[in-house]
PDB file of N, CA and C in Angstrom:
ATOM      1  N   MET A   1     -39.086 135.748  25.671  1.00  0.00           N
ATOM      2  CA  MET A   1     -38.629 137.071  26.046  1.00  0.00           C
ATOM      3  C   MET A   1     -38.158 137.831  24.828  1.00  0.00           C
ATOM      4  N   GLN A   2     -37.400 137.128  23.951  1.00  0.00           N
ATOM      5  CA  GLN A   2     -36.873 137.779  22.770  1.00  0.00           C
ATOM      6  C   GLN A   2     -38.000 138.147  21.803  1.00  0.00           C
ATOM      7  N   THR A   3     -39.067 137.382  21.803  1.00  0.00           N
ATOM      8  CA  THR A   3     -40.221 137.672  20.949  1.00  0.00           C
ATOM      9  C   THR A   3     -40.884 138.982  21.378  1.00  0.00           C
ATOM     10  N   ASN A   4     -40.975 139.224  22.676  1.00  0.00           N
ATOM     11  CA  ASN A   4     -41.556 140.461  23.181  1.00  0.00           C
ATOM     12  C   ASN A   4     -40.708 141.667  22.798  1.00  0.00           C
ATOM     13  N   ILE A   5     -39.417 141.516  22.843  1.00  0.00           N
ATOM     14  CA  ILE A   5     -38.517 142.611  22.462  1.00  0.00           C
ATOM     15  C   ILE A   5     -38.685 142.919  20.983  1.00  0.00           C
ATOM     16  N   ARG A   6     -38.799 141.899  20.148  1.00  0.00           N
ATOM     17  CA  ARG A   6     -38.984 142.110  18.703  1.00  0.00           C
ATOM     18  C   ARG A   6     -40.311 142.824  18.425  1.00  0.00           C
ATOM     19  N   LYS A   7     -41.369 142.448  19.140  1.00  0.00           N
ATOM     20  CA  LYS A   7     -42.658 143.120  18.965  1.00  0.00           C
ATOM     21  C   LYS A   7     -42.556 144.594  19.345  1.00  0.00           C
ATOM     22  N   PHE A   8     -41.878 144.873  20.449  1.00  0.00           N
ATOM     23  CA  PHE A   8     -41.723 146.250  20.898  1.00  0.00           C
ATOM     24  C   PHE A   8     -40.920 147.062  19.884  1.00  0.00           C
ATOM     25  N   ILE A   9     -39.847 146.477  19.379  1.00  0.00           N
ATOM     26  CA  ILE A   9     -39.005 147.179  18.403  1.00  0.00           C
ATOM     27  C   ILE A   9     -39.782 147.432  17.114  1.00  0.00           C
ATOM     28  N   SER A  10     -40.639 146.501  16.710  1.00  0.00           N
ATOM     29  CA  SER A  10     -41.420 146.700  15.490  1.00  0.00           C
ATOM     30  C   SER A  10     -42.495 147.773  15.679  1.00  0.00           C
ATOM     31  N   LEU A  11     -42.970 147.969  16.900  1.00  0.00           N
ATOM     32  CA  LEU A  11     -43.978 149.002  17.180  1.00  0.00           C
ATOM     33  C   LEU A  11     -43.361 150.371  17.441  1.00  0.00           C
ATOM     34  N   LEU A  12     -42.086 150.435  17.735  1.00  0.00           N
ATOM     35  CA  LEU A  12     -41.419 151.679  18.089  1.00  0.00           C
ATOM     36  C   LEU A  12     -41.536 152.762  17.011  1.00  0.00           C
ATOM     37  N   PRO A  13     -41.309 152.474  15.726  1.00  0.00           N
ATOM     38  CA  PRO A  13     -41.469 153.532  14.713  1.00  0.00           C
ATOM     39  C   PRO A  13     -42.916 154.064  14.655  1.00  0.00           C
ATOM     40  N   LEU A  14     -43.894 153.205  14.823  1.00  0.00           N
ATOM     41  CA  LEU A  14     -45.289 153.629  14.787  1.00  0.00           C
ATOM     42  C   LEU A  14     -45.607 154.556  15.960  1.00  0.00           C
ATOM     43  N   LEU A  15     -45.118 154.223  17.143  1.00  0.00           N
ATOM     44  CA  LEU A  15     -45.332 155.071  18.311  1.00  0.00           C
ATOM     45  C   LEU A  15     -44.650 156.418  18.152  1.00  0.00           C
ATOM     46  N   THR A  16     -43.463 156.434  17.549  1.00  0.00           N
ATOM     47  CA  THR A  16     -42.728 157.678  17.348  1.00  0.00           C
ATOM     48  C   THR A  16     -43.472 158.591  16.377  1.00  0.00           C
ATOM     49  N   ILE A  17     -44.011 158.040  15.295  1.00  0.00           N
ATOM     50  CA  ILE A  17     -44.742 158.840  14.307  1.00  0.00           C
ATOM     51  C   ILE A  17     -46.015 159.415  14.916  1.00  0.00           C
ATOM     52  N   SER A  18     -46.778 158.603  15.660  1.00  0.00           N
ATOM     53  CA  SER A  18     -48.026 159.102  16.238  1.00  0.00           C
ATOM     54  C   SER A  18     -47.753 160.154  17.308  1.00  0.00           C
ATOM     55  N   SER A  19     -46.679 160.021  18.069  1.00  0.00           N
ATOM     56  CA  SER A  19     -46.333 161.019  19.082  1.00  0.00           C
ATOM     57  C   SER A  19     -45.910 162.322  18.434  1.00  0.00           C
ATOM     58  N   ALA A  20     -45.165 162.257  17.352  1.00  0.00           N
ATOM     59  CA  ALA A  20     -44.702 163.464  16.669  1.00  0.00           C
ATOM     60  C   ALA A  20     -45.868 164.225  16.064  1.00  0.00           C
ATOM     61  N   SER A  21     -46.853 163.515  15.512  1.00  0.00           N
ATOM     62  CA  SER A  21     -47.997 164.207  14.918  1.00  0.00           C
ATOM     63  C   SER A  21     -48.860 164.857  15.993  1.00  0.00           C
ATOM     64  N   ALA A  22     -48.938 164.260  17.154  1.00  0.00           N
ATOM     65  CA  ALA A  22     -49.715 164.852  18.235  1.00  0.00           C
ATOM     66  C   ALA A  22     -49.040 166.114  18.761  1.00  0.00           C
ATOM     67  N   LEU A  23     -47.738 166.141  18.797  1.00  0.00           N
ATOM     68  CA  LEU A  23     -47.010 167.313  19.285  1.00  0.00           C
ATOM     69  C   LEU A  23     -46.922 168.414  18.237  1.00  0.00           C
ATOM     70  N   ALA A  24     -47.136 168.104  16.969  1.00  0.00           N
ATOM     71  CA  ALA A  24     -46.990 169.079  15.901  1.00  0.00           C
ATOM     72  C   ALA A  24     -48.151 170.072  15.845  1.00  0.00           C
ATOM     73  N   ALA A  25     -49.293 169.766  16.454  1.00  0.00           N
ATOM     74  CA  ALA A  25     -50.436 170.675  16.417  1.00  0.00           C
ATOM     75  C   ALA A  25     -50.115 171.914  17.239  1.00  0.00           C
ATOM     76  N   ASN A  26     -50.117 173.076  16.583  1.00  0.00           N
ATOM     77  CA  ASN A  26     -49.773 174.303  17.301  1.00  0.00           C
ATOM     78  C   ASN A  26     -50.839 175.376  17.150  1.00  0.00           C
ATOM     79  N   GLY A  27     -52.012 175.029  16.699  1.00  0.00           N
ATOM     80  CA  GLY A  27     -53.080 176.012  16.569  1.00  0.00           C
ATOM     81  C   GLY A  27     -54.416 175.317  16.440  1.00  0.00           C
ATOM     82  N   GLY A  28     -55.473 176.106  16.471  1.00  0.00           N
ATOM     83  CA  GLY A  28     -56.810 175.544  16.328  1.00  0.00           C
ATOM     84  C   GLY A  28     -57.817 176.362  17.096  1.00  0.00           C
ATOM     85  N   VAL A  29     -59.051 175.968  16.991  1.00  0.00           N
ATOM     86  CA  VAL A  29     -60.147 176.662  17.653  1.00  0.00           C
ATOM     87  C   VAL A  29     -60.916 175.647  18.491  1.00  0.00           C
ATOM     88  N   ILE A  30     -61.222 176.023  19.715  1.00  0.00           N
ATOM     89  CA  ILE A  30     -62.023 175.187  20.604  1.00  0.00           C
ATOM     90  C   ILE A  30     -63.329 175.925  20.864  1.00  0.00           C
ATOM     91  N   HIS A  31     -64.451 175.262  20.646  1.00  0.00           N
ATOM     92  CA  HIS A  31     -65.770 175.852  20.883  1.00  0.00           C
ATOM     93  C   HIS A  31     -66.378 175.222  22.123  1.00  0.00           C
ATOM     94  N   PHE A  32     -66.859 176.063  23.053  1.00  0.00           N
ATOM     95  CA  PHE A  32     -67.544 175.589  24.248  1.00  0.00           C
ATOM     96  C   PHE A  32     -69.032 175.863  24.090  1.00  0.00           C
ATOM     97  N   VAL A  33     -69.859 174.901  24.458  1.00  0.00           N
ATOM     98  CA  VAL A  33     -71.300 175.047  24.378  1.00  0.00           C
ATOM     99  C   VAL A  33     -71.868 174.757  25.755  1.00  0.00           C
ATOM    100  N   GLY A  34     -72.787 175.598  26.220  1.00  0.00           N
ATOM    101  CA  GLY A  34     -73.407 175.361  27.517  1.00  0.00           C
ATOM    102  C   GLY A  34     -74.108 176.599  28.012  1.00  0.00           C
ATOM    103  N   GLN A  35     -74.488 176.580  29.262  1.00  0.00           N
ATOM    104  CA  GLN A  35     -75.183 177.689  29.886  1.00  0.00           C
ATOM    105  C   GLN A  35     -74.637 177.922  31.272  1.00  0.00           C
ATOM    106  N   ILE A  36     -74.728 179.152  31.711  1.00  0.00           N
ATOM    107  CA  ILE A  36     -74.425 179.482  33.096  1.00  0.00           C
ATOM    108  C   ILE A  36     -75.769 179.618  33.787  1.00  0.00           C
ATOM    109  N   VAL A  37     -76.000 178.799  34.776  1.00  0.00           N
ATOM    110  CA  VAL A  37     -77.298 178.784  35.439  1.00  0.00           C
ATOM    111  C   VAL A  37     -77.132 179.027  36.933  1.00  0.00           C
ATOM    112  N   GLU A  38     -78.223 179.464  37.539  1.00  0.00           N
ATOM    113  CA  GLU A  38     -78.207 179.669  38.978  1.00  0.00           C
ATOM    114  C   GLU A  38     -78.599 178.378  39.687  1.00  0.00           C
ATOM    115  N   THR A  39     -78.333 178.329  40.945  1.00  0.00           N
ATOM    116  CA  THR A  39     -78.669 177.181  41.771  1.00  0.00           C
ATOM    117  C   THR A  39     -80.190 177.011  41.815  1.00  0.00           C
ATOM    118  N   PRO A  40     -80.699 175.795  41.645  1.00  0.00           N
ATOM    119  CA  PRO A  40     -82.153 175.604  41.704  1.00  0.00           C
ATOM    120  C   PRO A  40     -82.686 175.768  43.122  1.00  0.00           C
ATOM    121  N   CYS A  41     -83.979 175.961  43.221  1.00  0.00           N
ATOM    122  CA  CYS A  41     -84.620 176.075  44.527  1.00  0.00           C
ATOM    123  C   CYS A  41     -84.629 174.716  45.225  1.00  0.00           C
ATOM    124  N   VAL A  42     -84.647 174.756  46.540  1.00  0.00           N
ATOM    125  CA  VAL A  42     -84.712 173.539  47.346  1.00  0.00           C
ATOM    126  C   VAL A  42     -86.105 173.476  47.964  1.00  0.00           C
ATOM    127  N   TYR A  43     -86.809 172.376  47.710  1.00  0.00           N
ATOM    128  CA  TYR A  43     -88.156 172.169  48.235  1.00  0.00           C
ATOM    129  C   TYR A  43     -88.082 171.122  49.336  1.00  0.00           C
ATOM    130  N   GLN A  44     -88.515 171.509  50.550  1.00  0.00           N
ATOM    131  CA  GLN A  44     -88.456 170.606  51.699  1.00  0.00           C
ATOM    132  C   GLN A  44     -89.874 170.375  52.233  1.00  0.00           C
ATOM    133  N   PRO A  45     -90.482 169.248  51.870  1.00  0.00           N
ATOM    134  CA  PRO A  45     -91.839 168.987  52.350  1.00  0.00           C
ATOM    135  C   PRO A  45     -91.858 168.380  53.746  1.00  0.00           C
ATOM    136  N   SER A  46     -92.910 168.705  54.470  1.00  0.00           N
ATOM    137  CA  SER A  46     -93.208 168.036  55.738  1.00  0.00           C
ATOM    138  C   SER A  46     -94.711 167.763  55.732  1.00  0.00           C
ATOM    139  N   SER A  47     -95.223 167.198  56.785  1.00  0.00           N
ATOM    140  CA  SER A  47     -96.651 166.866  56.801  1.00  0.00           C
ATOM    141  C   SER A  47     -97.525 168.126  56.864  1.00  0.00           C
ATOM    142  N   GLN A  48     -96.985 169.232  57.374  1.00  0.00           N
ATOM    143  CA  GLN A  48     -97.775 170.447  57.552  1.00  0.00           C
ATOM    144  C   GLN A  48     -97.499 171.544  56.519  1.00  0.00           C
ATOM    145  N   GLN A  49     -96.278 171.553  55.960  1.00  0.00           N
ATOM    146  CA  GLN A  49     -95.910 172.675  55.090  1.00  0.00           C
ATOM    147  C   GLN A  49     -94.843 172.284  54.083  1.00  0.00           C
ATOM    148  N   MET A  50     -94.661 173.154  53.097  1.00  0.00           N
ATOM    149  CA  MET A  50     -93.600 172.994  52.097  1.00  0.00           C
ATOM    150  C   MET A  50     -92.712 174.234  52.205  1.00  0.00           C
ATOM    151  N   ARG A  51     -91.445 174.011  52.580  1.00  0.00           N
ATOM    152  CA  ARG A  51     -90.484 175.120  52.650  1.00  0.00           C
ATOM    153  C   ARG A  51     -89.759 175.212  51.321  1.00  0.00           C
ATOM    154  N   VAL A  52     -89.692 176.422  50.767  1.00  0.00           N
ATOM    155  CA  VAL A  52     -89.020 176.662  49.496  1.00  0.00           C
ATOM    156  C   VAL A  52     -87.902 177.652  49.757  1.00  0.00           C
ATOM    157  N   ASN A  53     -86.665 177.228  49.464  1.00  0.00           N
ATOM    158  CA  ASN A  53     -85.498 178.078  49.659  1.00  0.00           C
ATOM    159  C   ASN A  53     -84.811 178.256  48.309  1.00  0.00           C
ATOM    160  N   CYS A  54     -84.745 179.506  47.833  1.00  0.00           N
ATOM    161  CA  CYS A  54     -84.137 179.801  46.544  1.00  0.00           C
ATOM    162  C   CYS A  54     -82.967 180.757  46.739  1.00  0.00           C
ATOM    163  N   TYR A  55     -81.933 180.556  45.948  1.00  0.00           N
ATOM    164  CA  TYR A  55     -80.783 181.452  45.977  1.00  0.00           C
ATOM    165  C   TYR A  55     -80.730 182.223  44.671  1.00  0.00           C
ATOM    166  N   ASN A  56     -80.523 183.537  44.785  1.00  0.00           N
ATOM    167  CA  ASN A  56     -80.371 184.411  43.629  1.00  0.00           C
ATOM    168  C   ASN A  56     -79.130 185.251  43.872  1.00  0.00           C
ATOM    169  N   ALA A  57     -78.278 185.380  42.876  1.00  0.00           N
ATOM    170  CA  ALA A  57     -77.032 186.125  43.030  1.00  0.00           C
ATOM    171  C   ALA A  57     -77.290 187.589  43.373  1.00  0.00           C
ATOM    172  N   LYS A  58     -78.412 188.137  42.920  1.00  0.00           N
ATOM    173  CA  LYS A  58     -78.717 189.549  43.179  1.00  0.00           C
ATOM    174  C   LYS A  58     -79.339 189.765  44.544  1.00  0.00           C
ATOM    175  N   THR A  59     -80.260 188.899  44.932  1.00  0.00           N
ATOM    176  CA  THR A  59     -80.999 189.113  46.171  1.00  0.00           C
ATOM    177  C   THR A  59     -80.575 188.206  47.320  1.00  0.00           C
ATOM    178  N   GLY A  60     -79.774 187.190  47.048  1.00  0.00           N
ATOM    179  CA  GLY A  60     -79.359 186.249  48.086  1.00  0.00           C
ATOM    180  C   GLY A  60     -80.404 185.166  48.281  1.00  0.00           C
ATOM    181  N   ASN A  61     -80.498 184.628  49.497  1.00  0.00           N
ATOM    182  CA  ASN A  61     -81.456 183.560  49.804  1.00  0.00           C
ATOM    183  C   ASN A  61     -82.839 184.139  50.071  1.00  0.00           C
ATOM    184  N   THR A  62     -83.837 183.490  49.520  1.00  0.00           N
ATOM    185  CA  THR A  62     -85.227 183.810  49.847  1.00  0.00           C
ATOM    186  C   THR A  62     -85.889 182.515  50.289  1.00  0.00           C
ATOM    187  N   GLU A  63     -86.643 182.600  51.367  1.00  0.00           N
ATOM    188  CA  GLU A  63     -87.306 181.414  51.887  1.00  0.00           C
ATOM    189  C   GLU A  63     -88.793 181.712  52.012  1.00  0.00           C
ATOM    190  N   ARG A  64     -89.578 180.722  51.625  1.00  0.00           N
ATOM    191  CA  ARG A  64     -91.031 180.865  51.661  1.00  0.00           C
ATOM    192  C   ARG A  64     -91.611 179.563  52.187  1.00  0.00           C
ATOM    193  N   THR A  65     -92.697 179.666  52.953  1.00  0.00           N
ATOM    194  CA  THR A  65     -93.363 178.492  53.486  1.00  0.00           C
ATOM    195  C   THR A  65     -94.809 178.479  52.999  1.00  0.00           C
ATOM    196  N   ILE A  66     -95.222 177.350  52.443  1.00  0.00           N
ATOM    197  CA  ILE A  66     -96.579 177.179  51.931  1.00  0.00           C
ATOM    198  C   ILE A  66     -97.255 176.085  52.760  1.00  0.00           C
ATOM    199  N   PRO A  67     -98.468 176.333  53.269  1.00  0.00           N
ATOM    200  CA  PRO A  67     -99.179 175.257  53.982  1.00  0.00           C
ATOM    201  C   PRO A  67     -99.439 174.084  53.040  1.00  0.00           C
ATOM    202  N   MET A  68     -99.228 172.885  53.518  1.00  0.00           N
ATOM    203  CA  MET A  68     -99.391 171.695  52.693  1.00  0.00           C
ATOM    204  C   MET A  68    -100.833 171.537  52.216  1.00  0.00           C
ATOM    205  N   ASN A  69    -101.818 171.908  53.033  1.00  0.00           N
ATOM    206  CA  ASN A  69    -103.205 171.766  52.593  1.00  0.00           C
ATOM    207  C   ASN A  69    -103.518 172.687  51.405  1.00  0.00           C
ATOM    208  N   ALA A  70    -102.852 173.829  51.287  1.00  0.00           N
ATOM    209  CA  ALA A  70    -103.043 174.698  50.122  1.00  0.00           C
ATOM    210  C   ALA A  70    -102.529 174.013  48.859  1.00  0.00           C
ATOM    211  N   LEU A  71    -101.392 173.341  48.956  1.00  0.00           N
ATOM    212  CA  LEU A  71    -100.867 172.582  47.809  1.00  0.00           C
ATOM    213  C   LEU A  71    -101.793 171.430  47.443  1.00  0.00           C
ATOM    214  N   LEU A  72    -102.318 170.753  48.446  1.00  0.00           N
ATOM    215  CA  LEU A  72    -103.222 169.631  48.206  1.00  0.00           C
ATOM    216  C   LEU A  72    -104.510 170.075  47.525  1.00  0.00           C
ATOM    217  N   GLN A  73    -104.879 171.339  47.716  1.00  0.00           N
ATOM    218  CA  GLN A  73    -106.088 171.875  47.098  1.00  0.00           C
ATOM    219  C   GLN A  73    -105.805 172.510  45.732  1.00  0.00           C
ATOM    220  N   GLY A  74    -104.548 172.433  45.264  1.00  0.00           N
ATOM    221  CA  GLY A  74    -104.230 172.898  43.919  1.00  0.00           C
ATOM    222  C   GLY A  74    -103.486 174.214  43.824  1.00  0.00           C
ATOM    223  N   GLN A  75    -103.084 174.807  44.946  1.00  0.00           N
ATOM    224  CA  GLN A  75    -102.343 176.072  44.888  1.00  0.00           C
ATOM    225  C   GLN A  75    -100.980 175.853  44.246  1.00  0.00           C
ATOM    226  N   THR A  76    -100.543 176.847  43.488  1.00  0.00           N
ATOM    227  CA  THR A  76     -99.253 176.789  42.814  1.00  0.00           C
ATOM    228  C   THR A  76     -98.263 177.666  43.569  1.00  0.00           C
ATOM    229  N   ILE A  77     -97.024 177.195  43.714  1.00  0.00           N
ATOM    230  CA  ILE A  77     -95.955 177.985  44.328  1.00  0.00           C
ATOM    231  C   ILE A  77     -95.256 178.740  43.204  1.00  0.00           C
ATOM    232  N   VAL A  78     -95.306 180.062  43.239  1.00  0.00           N
ATOM    233  CA  VAL A  78     -94.688 180.883  42.196  1.00  0.00           C
ATOM    234  C   VAL A  78     -93.659 181.798  42.849  1.00  0.00           C
ATOM    235  N   ASN A  79     -92.452 181.813  42.299  1.00  0.00           N
ATOM    236  CA  ASN A  79     -91.437 182.776  42.735  1.00  0.00           C
ATOM    237  C   ASN A  79     -90.694 183.290  41.507  1.00  0.00           C
ATOM    238  N   ASP A  80     -89.619 184.027  41.708  1.00  0.00           N
ATOM    239  CA  ASP A  80     -88.897 184.656  40.594  1.00  0.00           C
ATOM    240  C   ASP A  80     -88.297 183.654  39.618  1.00  0.00           C
ATOM    241  N   THR A  81     -87.949 182.473  40.099  1.00  0.00           N
ATOM    242  CA  THR A  81     -87.231 181.535  39.241  1.00  0.00           C
ATOM    243  C   THR A  81     -87.998 180.281  38.873  1.00  0.00           C
ATOM    244  N   SER A  82     -89.102 179.977  39.591  1.00  0.00           N
ATOM    245  CA  SER A  82     -89.768 178.700  39.324  1.00  0.00           C
ATOM    246  C   SER A  82     -91.263 178.754  39.607  1.00  0.00           C
ATOM    247  N   ILE A  83     -91.940 177.748  39.084  1.00  0.00           N
ATOM    248  CA  ILE A  83     -93.356 177.514  39.351  1.00  0.00           C
ATOM    249  C   ILE A  83     -93.467 176.045  39.762  1.00  0.00           C
ATOM    250  N   ALA A  84     -94.109 175.786  40.895  1.00  0.00           N
ATOM    251  CA  ALA A  84     -94.231 174.407  41.384  1.00  0.00           C
ATOM    252  C   ALA A  84     -95.685 174.103  41.713  1.00  0.00           C
ATOM    253  N   ARG A  85     -96.083 172.881  41.388  1.00  0.00           N
ATOM    254  CA  ARG A  85     -97.451 172.425  41.697  1.00  0.00           C
ATOM    255  C   ARG A  85     -97.430 170.916  41.860  1.00  0.00           C
ATOM    256  N   LEU A  86     -98.438 170.420  42.551  1.00  0.00           N
ATOM    257  CA  LEU A  86     -98.576 168.975  42.691  1.00  0.00           C
ATOM    258  C   LEU A  86     -99.258 168.417  41.454  1.00  0.00           C
ATOM    259  N   GLN A  87     -98.756 167.299  40.982  1.00  0.00           N
ATOM    260  CA  GLN A  87     -99.354 166.595  39.848  1.00  0.00           C
ATOM    261  C   GLN A  87     -99.772 165.224  40.370  1.00  0.00           C
ATOM    262  N   TRP A  88    -101.080 164.979  40.364  1.00  0.00           N
ATOM    263  CA  TRP A  88    -101.598 163.740  40.932  1.00  0.00           C
ATOM    264  C   TRP A  88    -101.334 162.567  40.014  1.00  0.00           C
ATOM    265  N   VAL A  89    -100.917 161.463  40.605  1.00  0.00           N
ATOM    266  CA  VAL A  89    -100.609 160.245  39.867  1.00  0.00           C
ATOM    267  C   VAL A  89    -101.825 159.331  39.812  1.00  0.00           C
ATOM    268  N   ASP A  90    -102.643 159.359  40.861  1.00  0.00           N
ATOM    269  CA  ASP A  90    -103.820 158.492  40.907  1.00  0.00           C
ATOM    270  C   ASP A  90    -105.090 159.331  41.056  1.00  0.00           C
ATOM    271  N   GLN A  91    -106.232 158.746  40.724  1.00  0.00           N
ATOM    272  CA  GLN A  91    -107.510 159.456  40.799  1.00  0.00           C
ATOM    273  C   GLN A  91    -107.961 159.687  42.235  1.00  0.00           C
ATOM    274  N   ALA A  92    -107.524 158.858  43.155  1.00  0.00           N
ATOM    275  CA  ALA A  92    -107.900 159.008  44.561  1.00  0.00           C
ATOM    276  C   ALA A  92    -107.130 160.148  45.232  1.00  0.00           C
ATOM    277  N   LYS A  93    -106.188 160.743  44.538  1.00  0.00           N
ATOM    278  CA  LYS A  93    -105.355 161.845  45.041  1.00  0.00           C
ATOM    279  C   LYS A  93    -104.644 161.467  46.343  1.00  0.00           C
ATOM    280  N   LYS A  94    -104.015 160.294  46.305  1.00  0.00           N
ATOM    281  CA  LYS A  94    -103.207 159.861  47.439  1.00  0.00           C
ATOM    282  C   LYS A  94    -101.723 159.868  47.109  1.00  0.00           C
ATOM    283  N   LEU A  95    -101.387 159.945  45.811  1.00  0.00           N
ATOM    284  CA  LEU A  95    -100.002 159.920  45.382  1.00  0.00           C
ATOM    285  C   LEU A  95     -99.779 161.048  44.376  1.00  0.00           C
ATOM    286  N   ALA A  96     -98.814 161.917  44.681  1.00  0.00           N
ATOM    287  CA  ALA A  96     -98.568 163.069  43.813  1.00  0.00           C
ATOM    288  C   ALA A  96     -97.075 163.275  43.608  1.00  0.00           C
ATOM    289  N   ILE A  97     -96.752 163.993  42.543  1.00  0.00           N
ATOM    290  CA  ILE A  97     -95.375 164.382  42.231  1.00  0.00           C
ATOM    291  C   ILE A  97     -95.318 165.903  42.279  1.00  0.00           C
ATOM    292  N   LEU A  98     -94.298 166.444  42.918  1.00  0.00           N
ATOM    293  CA  LEU A  98     -94.101 167.893  42.912  1.00  0.00           C
ATOM    294  C   LEU A  98     -93.402 168.241  41.600  1.00  0.00           C
ATOM    295  N   ASN A  99     -94.106 168.934  40.737  1.00  0.00           N
ATOM    296  CA  ASN A  99     -93.594 169.307  39.409  1.00  0.00           C
ATOM    297  C   ASN A  99     -93.062 170.738  39.489  1.00  0.00           C
ATOM    298  N   VAL A 100     -91.774 170.924  39.201  1.00  0.00           N
ATOM    299  CA  VAL A 100     -91.133 172.231  39.273  1.00  0.00           C
ATOM    300  C   VAL A 100     -90.685 172.632  37.870  1.00  0.00           C
ATOM    301  N   GLU A 101     -91.124 173.796  37.420  1.00  0.00           N
ATOM    302  CA  GLU A 101     -90.715 174.345  36.133  1.00  0.00           C
ATOM    303  C   GLU A 101     -89.905 175.597  36.394  1.00  0.00           C
ATOM    304  N   TYR A 102     -88.690 175.636  35.857  1.00  0.00           N
ATOM    305  CA  TYR A 102     -87.848 176.814  36.028  1.00  0.00           C
ATOM    306  C   TYR A 102     -88.022 177.743  34.843  1.00  0.00           C
ATOM    307  N   LYS A 103     -88.070 179.039  35.138  1.00  0.00           N
ATOM    308  CA  LYS A 103     -88.280 180.065  34.103  1.00  0.00           C
ATOM    309  C   LYS A 103     -86.990 180.354  33.369  1.00  0.00           C
TER     310      LYS A 103
END
């Protein structure tokens, strides 16, 4: 028990010095880096259609429905904020990824 007290007492000056230096800072500059972005579009696929719901601060919600067979034939979904198309993973065109590019 006495050994623990001695260790604490020996560390006390070090803790006091580090605390004082942290409190002594009274100025400086903070730089923030980033972007303010809008909410991305929501793509909701079903077997018959692809629903696209986009939010824009100026116009509010916009919703568009694209027939799924048009996408399967290579049609691109274009709106104010994004471009979406199917990207085939296999040559048999049975597996695809919906690729969305935001402007």
